[in-house]
Amino acid sequence: MIKRKQQFAIIATATLLLSACSGLSNTQQRVLSGGAIGTGVGVVGTAVTGGCVTCGAVIGGAVGAGAGYLVDQHEKGNLP
């Protein structure tokens, strides 16, 4: 079980990390969100299939960040 000091440290760290994302542009938010979602999907996918979890996280994060950028550009009308 997590002790009270550890809980406080986790909450404080998460709060600081999330507050650093408050001034991002729409493009940056979409790329970051895509990367985070891609990383999660990559980790889960490789954990389920028995592959390299680190490799899945890196590849999933890169693909997700790229997809987030493409979605942003499409919504701005820069892509067909």
C-alpha atoms as a PDB file:
ATOM      1  CA  MET A   1       0.000   0.000   0.000  1.00  0.00           C
ATOM      2  CA  ILE A   2       1.224   3.496  -0.798  1.00  0.00           C
ATOM      3  CA  LYS A   3       2.129   5.596   2.210  1.00  0.00           C
ATOM      4  CA  ARG A   4       0.779   9.106   2.715  1.00  0.00           C
ATOM      5  CA  LYS A   5       4.125  10.772   1.871  1.00  0.00           C
ATOM      6  CA  GLN A   6       4.350   8.811  -1.370  1.00  0.00           C
ATOM      7  CA  GLN A   7       0.780   9.782  -2.287  1.00  0.00           C
ATOM      8  CA  PHE A   8       1.591  13.445  -1.711  1.00  0.00           C
ATOM      9  CA  ALA A   9       4.739  13.203  -3.819  1.00  0.00           C
ATOM     10  CA  ILE A  10       2.850  11.549  -6.682  1.00  0.00           C
ATOM     11  CA  ILE A  11       0.056  14.135  -6.605  1.00  0.00           C
ATOM     12  CA  ALA A  12       2.493  17.044  -6.403  1.00  0.00           C
ATOM     13  CA  THR A  13       4.551  15.702  -9.313  1.00  0.00           C
ATOM     14  CA  ALA A  14       1.477  15.113 -11.470  1.00  0.00           C
ATOM     15  CA  THR A  15       0.205  18.624 -10.734  1.00  0.00           C
ATOM     16  CA  LEU A  16       3.516  20.193 -11.712  1.00  0.00           C
ATOM     17  CA  LEU A  17       3.745  18.186 -14.908  1.00  0.00           C
ATOM     18  CA  LEU A  18       0.206  19.034 -15.970  1.00  0.00           C
ATOM     19  CA  SER A  19       0.599  22.734 -15.199  1.00  0.00           C
ATOM     20  CA  ALA A  20       3.547  22.884 -17.611  1.00  0.00           C
ATOM     21  CA  CYS A  21       1.140  22.106 -20.462  1.00  0.00           C
ATOM     22  CA  SER A  22      -1.163  25.087 -19.919  1.00  0.00           C
ATOM     23  CA  GLY A  23       0.353  27.476 -22.484  1.00  0.00           C
ATOM     24  CA  LEU A  24       0.490  25.131 -25.473  1.00  0.00           C
ATOM     25  CA  SER A  25      -0.894  26.009 -28.890  1.00  0.00           C
ATOM     26  CA  ASN A  26      -3.556  23.811 -30.508  1.00  0.00           C
ATOM     27  CA  THR A  27      -0.925  22.108 -32.654  1.00  0.00           C
ATOM     28  CA  GLN A  28       1.271  21.376 -29.648  1.00  0.00           C
ATOM     29  CA  GLN A  29      -1.693  20.042 -27.676  1.00  0.00           C
ATOM     30  CA  ARG A  30      -2.710  17.707 -30.482  1.00  0.00           C
ATOM     31  CA  VAL A  31       0.823  16.417 -31.014  1.00  0.00           C
ATOM     32  CA  LEU A  32       1.282  15.860 -27.276  1.00  0.00           C
ATOM     33  CA  SER A  33      -2.087  14.144 -26.925  1.00  0.00           C
ATOM     34  CA  GLY A  34      -1.424  11.949 -29.941  1.00  0.00           C
ATOM     35  CA  GLY A  35       1.987  10.988 -28.587  1.00  0.00           C
ATOM     36  CA  ALA A  36       0.585  10.133 -25.171  1.00  0.00           C
ATOM     37  CA  ILE A  37      -2.249   8.056 -26.595  1.00  0.00           C
ATOM     38  CA  GLY A  38       0.114   6.322 -29.019  1.00  0.00           C
ATOM     39  CA  THR A  39       2.529   5.508 -26.221  1.00  0.00           C
ATOM     40  CA  GLY A  40      -0.250   3.987 -24.142  1.00  0.00           C
ATOM     41  CA  VAL A  41      -1.553   1.921 -27.040  1.00  0.00           C
ATOM     42  CA  GLY A  42       1.985   0.788 -27.894  1.00  0.00           C
ATOM     43  CA  VAL A  43       2.696  -0.312 -24.332  1.00  0.00           C
ATOM     44  CA  VAL A  44      -0.562  -2.204 -23.959  1.00  0.00           C
ATOM     45  CA  GLY A  45      -0.295  -3.783 -27.390  1.00  0.00           C
ATOM     46  CA  THR A  46       3.219  -5.082 -26.878  1.00  0.00           C
ATOM     47  CA  ALA A  47       2.490  -6.204 -23.315  1.00  0.00           C
ATOM     48  CA  VAL A  48      -0.471  -8.246 -24.525  1.00  0.00           C
ATOM     49  CA  THR A  49       1.399  -9.782 -27.447  1.00  0.00           C
ATOM     50  CA  GLY A  50       4.589 -10.421 -25.467  1.00  0.00           C
ATOM     51  CA  GLY A  51       6.791  -8.042 -27.430  1.00  0.00           C
ATOM     52  CA  CYS A  52       9.307  -5.412 -26.388  1.00  0.00           C
ATOM     53  CA  VAL A  53       7.334  -2.934 -24.264  1.00  0.00           C
ATOM     54  CA  THR A  54       9.918  -0.169 -24.618  1.00  0.00           C
ATOM     55  CA  CYS A  55       9.942  -0.565 -28.402  1.00  0.00           C
ATOM     56  CA  GLY A  56       6.156  -0.455 -28.477  1.00  0.00           C
ATOM     57  CA  ALA A  57       6.109   2.693 -26.380  1.00  0.00           C
ATOM     58  CA  VAL A  58       8.628   4.494 -28.588  1.00  0.00           C
ATOM     59  CA  ILE A  59       7.036   3.464 -31.874  1.00  0.00           C
ATOM     60  CA  GLY A  60       3.512   4.126 -30.610  1.00  0.00           C
ATOM     61  CA  GLY A  61       4.499   7.543 -29.299  1.00  0.00           C
ATOM     62  CA  ALA A  62       6.126   8.535 -32.586  1.00  0.00           C
ATOM     63  CA  VAL A  63       3.179   7.346 -34.662  1.00  0.00           C
ATOM     64  CA  GLY A  64       0.710   9.030 -32.302  1.00  0.00           C
ATOM     65  CA  ALA A  65       2.579  12.347 -32.370  1.00  0.00           C
ATOM     66  CA  GLY A  66       2.688  12.233 -36.161  1.00  0.00           C
ATOM     67  CA  ALA A  67      -1.017  11.451 -36.324  1.00  0.00           C
ATOM     68  CA  GLY A  68      -1.780  14.330 -33.954  1.00  0.00           C
ATOM     69  CA  TYR A  69       0.149  16.702 -36.194  1.00  0.00           C
ATOM     70  CA  LEU A  70      -1.637  15.463 -39.319  1.00  0.00           C
ATOM     71  CA  VAL A  71      -5.043  15.844 -37.663  1.00  0.00           C
ATOM     72  CA  ASP A  72      -4.154  19.408 -36.686  1.00  0.00           C
ATOM     73  CA  GLN A  73      -3.025  20.274 -40.199  1.00  0.00           C
ATOM     74  CA  HIS A  74      -6.155  18.711 -41.687  1.00  0.00           C
ATOM     75  CA  GLU A  75      -8.422  20.728 -39.401  1.00  0.00           C
ATOM     76  CA  LYS A  76      -6.572  23.915 -40.357  1.00  0.00           C
ATOM     77  CA  GLY A  77      -7.207  23.118 -44.028  1.00  0.00           C
ATOM     78  CA  ASN A  78      -3.548  22.582 -44.892  1.00  0.00           C
ATOM     79  CA  LEU A  79      -4.146  18.999 -46.019  1.00  0.00           C
ATOM     80  CA  PRO A  80      -6.752  17.639 -48.434  1.00  0.00           C
END
